[in-house]
N, C-alpha and C. Protein backbone atom coordinates (compact mmCIF):
# COMPACT_ATOMS: atom_id res chain seq x y z
N UNK A 1 0.84 -1.18 0.00
CA UNK A 1 0.00 0.00 0.00
C UNK A 1 0.89 1.24 0.00
N UNK A 2 0.85 2.03 -1.08
CA UNK A 2 1.73 3.20 -1.17
C UNK A 2 1.48 4.25 -0.10
N UNK A 3 0.31 4.26 0.52
CA UNK A 3 0.05 5.24 1.57
C UNK A 3 0.58 4.78 2.92
N UNK A 4 1.01 3.54 3.01
CA UNK A 4 1.56 2.99 4.25
C UNK A 4 3.06 3.22 4.26
N UNK A 5 3.51 4.15 5.09
CA UNK A 5 4.92 4.50 5.16
C UNK A 5 5.80 3.29 5.49
N UNK A 6 5.27 2.31 6.21
CA UNK A 6 6.04 1.13 6.58
C UNK A 6 6.35 0.25 5.37
N UNK A 7 5.59 0.41 4.29
CA UNK A 7 5.80 -0.44 3.11
C UNK A 7 6.86 0.14 2.17
N UNK A 8 7.34 1.34 2.46
CA UNK A 8 8.32 1.97 1.58
C UNK A 8 9.72 1.45 1.86
N UNK A 9 10.48 1.24 0.79
CA UNK A 9 11.86 0.80 0.88
C UNK A 9 12.71 1.92 0.30
N UNK A 10 13.66 2.46 1.07
CA UNK A 10 14.42 3.61 0.60
C UNK A 10 15.51 3.24 -0.41
N UNK A 11 16.11 2.05 -0.26
CA UNK A 11 17.14 1.59 -1.20
C UNK A 11 16.93 0.11 -1.47
N UNK A 12 17.15 -0.28 -2.73
CA UNK A 12 16.97 -1.70 -3.08
C UNK A 12 17.85 -2.04 -4.27
N UNK A 13 18.30 -3.29 -4.29
CA UNK A 13 19.06 -3.79 -5.43
C UNK A 13 18.09 -4.43 -6.43
N UNK A 14 18.50 -4.56 -7.68
CA UNK A 14 17.65 -5.24 -8.66
C UNK A 14 17.25 -6.65 -8.21
N UNK A 15 18.17 -7.39 -7.60
CA UNK A 15 17.84 -8.75 -7.18
C UNK A 15 16.78 -8.75 -6.07
N UNK A 16 16.87 -7.82 -5.15
CA UNK A 16 15.86 -7.72 -4.10
C UNK A 16 14.49 -7.40 -4.71
N UNK A 17 14.48 -6.46 -5.65
CA UNK A 17 13.21 -6.09 -6.28
C UNK A 17 12.63 -7.24 -7.09
N UNK A 18 13.48 -8.01 -7.76
CA UNK A 18 12.99 -9.20 -8.48
C UNK A 18 12.31 -10.16 -7.51
N UNK A 19 12.91 -10.35 -6.34
CA UNK A 19 12.31 -11.25 -5.35
C UNK A 19 10.99 -10.69 -4.85
N UNK A 20 10.88 -9.37 -4.73
CA UNK A 20 9.63 -8.75 -4.32
C UNK A 20 8.54 -8.98 -5.36
N UNK A 21 8.90 -8.90 -6.64
CA UNK A 21 7.92 -9.16 -7.71
C UNK A 21 7.48 -10.61 -7.66
N UNK A 22 8.45 -11.52 -7.58
CA UNK A 22 8.14 -12.96 -7.56
C UNK A 22 7.26 -13.35 -6.39
N UNK A 23 7.47 -12.72 -5.23
CA UNK A 23 6.70 -13.08 -4.04
C UNK A 23 5.37 -12.33 -3.93
N UNK A 24 5.16 -11.34 -4.81
CA UNK A 24 3.92 -10.58 -4.77
C UNK A 24 3.96 -9.36 -3.88
N UNK A 25 5.11 -9.08 -3.26
CA UNK A 25 5.24 -7.87 -2.44
C UNK A 25 5.06 -6.64 -3.33
N UNK A 26 5.64 -6.69 -4.53
CA UNK A 26 5.42 -5.65 -5.54
C UNK A 26 4.42 -6.22 -6.53
N UNK A 27 3.33 -5.49 -6.76
CA UNK A 27 2.29 -6.00 -7.64
C UNK A 27 1.59 -4.86 -8.37
N UNK A 28 0.69 -5.24 -9.25
CA UNK A 28 -0.13 -4.26 -9.95
C UNK A 28 0.68 -3.27 -10.76
N UNK A 29 0.31 -2.01 -10.65
CA UNK A 29 0.93 -0.95 -11.42
C UNK A 29 2.37 -0.65 -11.05
N UNK A 30 2.82 -1.17 -9.92
CA UNK A 30 4.22 -0.95 -9.53
C UNK A 30 5.17 -1.86 -10.28
N UNK A 31 4.69 -2.99 -10.79
CA UNK A 31 5.57 -3.94 -11.48
C UNK A 31 6.27 -3.31 -12.68
N UNK A 32 5.57 -2.62 -13.59
CA UNK A 32 6.29 -2.02 -14.72
C UNK A 32 7.28 -0.94 -14.30
N UNK A 33 6.96 -0.20 -13.26
CA UNK A 33 7.88 0.84 -12.77
C UNK A 33 9.15 0.20 -12.22
N UNK A 34 8.97 -0.83 -11.41
CA UNK A 34 10.11 -1.52 -10.80
C UNK A 34 10.94 -2.21 -11.87
N UNK A 35 10.29 -2.87 -12.82
CA UNK A 35 11.03 -3.55 -13.91
C UNK A 35 11.83 -2.54 -14.75
N UNK A 36 11.28 -1.36 -14.95
CA UNK A 36 12.02 -0.32 -15.69
C UNK A 36 13.28 0.09 -14.95
N UNK A 37 13.19 0.24 -13.65
CA UNK A 37 14.37 0.58 -12.84
C UNK A 37 15.38 -0.55 -12.86
N UNK A 38 14.92 -1.78 -12.74
CA UNK A 38 15.82 -2.94 -12.80
C UNK A 38 16.55 -2.96 -14.13
N UNK A 39 15.82 -2.76 -15.21
CA UNK A 39 16.41 -2.78 -16.55
C UNK A 39 17.43 -1.66 -16.72
N UNK A 40 17.11 -0.47 -16.22
CA UNK A 40 18.04 0.66 -16.34
C UNK A 40 19.34 0.39 -15.59
N UNK A 41 19.23 -0.05 -14.35
CA UNK A 41 20.42 -0.31 -13.53
C UNK A 41 21.22 -1.48 -14.11
N UNK A 42 20.53 -2.49 -14.59
CA UNK A 42 21.21 -3.64 -15.19
C UNK A 42 21.90 -3.28 -16.51
N UNK A 43 21.49 -2.17 -17.11
CA UNK A 43 22.08 -1.72 -18.37
C UNK A 43 23.18 -0.69 -18.17
N UNK A 44 23.52 -0.41 -16.91
CA UNK A 44 24.64 0.48 -16.65
C UNK A 44 24.32 1.81 -16.01
N UNK A 45 23.05 2.14 -15.86
CA UNK A 45 22.69 3.38 -15.17
C UNK A 45 23.09 3.23 -13.70
N UNK A 46 23.72 4.25 -13.14
CA UNK A 46 24.22 4.15 -11.77
C UNK A 46 23.11 3.93 -10.75
N UNK A 47 22.02 4.69 -10.87
CA UNK A 47 20.87 4.49 -9.99
C UNK A 47 19.62 5.01 -10.68
N UNK A 48 18.49 4.42 -10.29
CA UNK A 48 17.18 4.85 -10.77
C UNK A 48 16.31 5.06 -9.54
N UNK A 49 15.34 5.96 -9.65
CA UNK A 49 14.53 6.30 -8.48
C UNK A 49 13.05 6.22 -8.81
N UNK A 50 12.29 5.71 -7.87
CA UNK A 50 10.83 5.71 -7.96
C UNK A 50 10.36 6.67 -6.88
N UNK A 51 9.65 7.71 -7.29
CA UNK A 51 9.19 8.70 -6.32
C UNK A 51 7.69 8.92 -6.47
N UNK A 52 7.09 9.44 -5.44
CA UNK A 52 5.66 9.75 -5.43
C UNK A 52 5.49 11.19 -5.89
N UNK A 53 4.97 11.37 -7.08
CA UNK A 53 4.79 12.70 -7.64
C UNK A 53 3.76 13.53 -6.92
N UNK A 54 3.01 12.93 -6.02
CA UNK A 54 2.02 13.69 -5.25
C UNK A 54 2.66 14.44 -4.08
N UNK A 55 3.91 14.10 -3.76
CA UNK A 55 4.61 14.74 -2.65
C UNK A 55 5.26 16.03 -3.15
N UNK A 56 5.01 17.13 -2.45
CA UNK A 56 5.62 18.40 -2.84
C UNK A 56 7.13 18.27 -2.86
N UNK A 57 7.73 18.74 -3.94
CA UNK A 57 9.19 18.78 -4.09
C UNK A 57 9.84 17.40 -4.02
N UNK A 58 9.13 16.36 -4.46
CA UNK A 58 9.62 14.98 -4.34
C UNK A 58 10.96 14.78 -5.02
N UNK A 59 11.15 15.37 -6.19
CA UNK A 59 12.42 15.19 -6.91
C UNK A 59 13.56 15.81 -6.11
N UNK A 60 13.35 17.02 -5.60
CA UNK A 60 14.40 17.67 -4.81
C UNK A 60 14.70 16.88 -3.55
N UNK A 61 13.68 16.39 -2.89
CA UNK A 61 13.89 15.59 -1.67
C UNK A 61 14.68 14.33 -1.98
N UNK A 62 14.38 13.70 -3.10
CA UNK A 62 15.07 12.46 -3.46
C UNK A 62 16.53 12.72 -3.80
N UNK A 63 16.79 13.80 -4.50
CA UNK A 63 18.15 14.09 -4.96
C UNK A 63 19.01 14.75 -3.88
N UNK A 64 18.42 15.63 -3.10
CA UNK A 64 19.22 16.48 -2.22
C UNK A 64 19.22 16.08 -0.75
N UNK A 65 18.50 15.04 -0.38
CA UNK A 65 18.50 14.64 1.03
C UNK A 65 18.94 13.18 1.16
N UNK A 66 19.44 12.83 2.33
CA UNK A 66 19.84 11.45 2.58
C UNK A 66 18.64 10.52 2.70
N UNK A 67 17.55 11.04 3.23
CA UNK A 67 16.38 10.19 3.42
C UNK A 67 15.55 10.04 2.16
N UNK A 68 15.61 11.01 1.27
CA UNK A 68 14.86 10.92 0.02
C UNK A 68 13.36 10.90 0.25
N UNK A 69 12.64 10.58 -0.81
CA UNK A 69 11.18 10.51 -0.69
C UNK A 69 10.64 9.29 -1.41
N UNK A 70 11.52 8.46 -1.92
CA UNK A 70 11.08 7.29 -2.67
C UNK A 70 12.06 6.15 -2.52
N UNK A 71 12.20 5.37 -3.56
CA UNK A 71 13.11 4.23 -3.55
C UNK A 71 14.22 4.43 -4.58
N UNK A 72 15.47 4.28 -4.12
CA UNK A 72 16.61 4.34 -5.01
C UNK A 72 17.01 2.90 -5.35
N UNK A 73 17.11 2.62 -6.65
CA UNK A 73 17.50 1.29 -7.10
C UNK A 73 18.92 1.38 -7.62
N UNK A 74 19.80 0.53 -7.06
CA UNK A 74 21.17 0.47 -7.52
C UNK A 74 21.76 -0.87 -7.12
N UNK A 75 22.81 -1.25 -7.82
CA UNK A 75 23.50 -2.49 -7.47
C UNK A 75 24.07 -2.35 -6.07
N UNK A 76 24.14 -3.42 -5.34
CA UNK A 76 24.64 -3.39 -3.95
C UNK A 76 26.08 -2.93 -3.90
């Protein structure tokens, strides 16, 4: 549930996200978003981010703070 703060993961590797998809932790409309991040990182992009566009200044929070506002995907 995206509104449940406890369900948010701030950092994840592609392998962790694959396991989340396989187990059903990531489902529905999040699957294509997560797969896109996995594909980008696996293709050489240093990191990819999934953020909630409904949050004010979400991009700035993700880029300029340690806590961010979404999930950063990168190799471990």
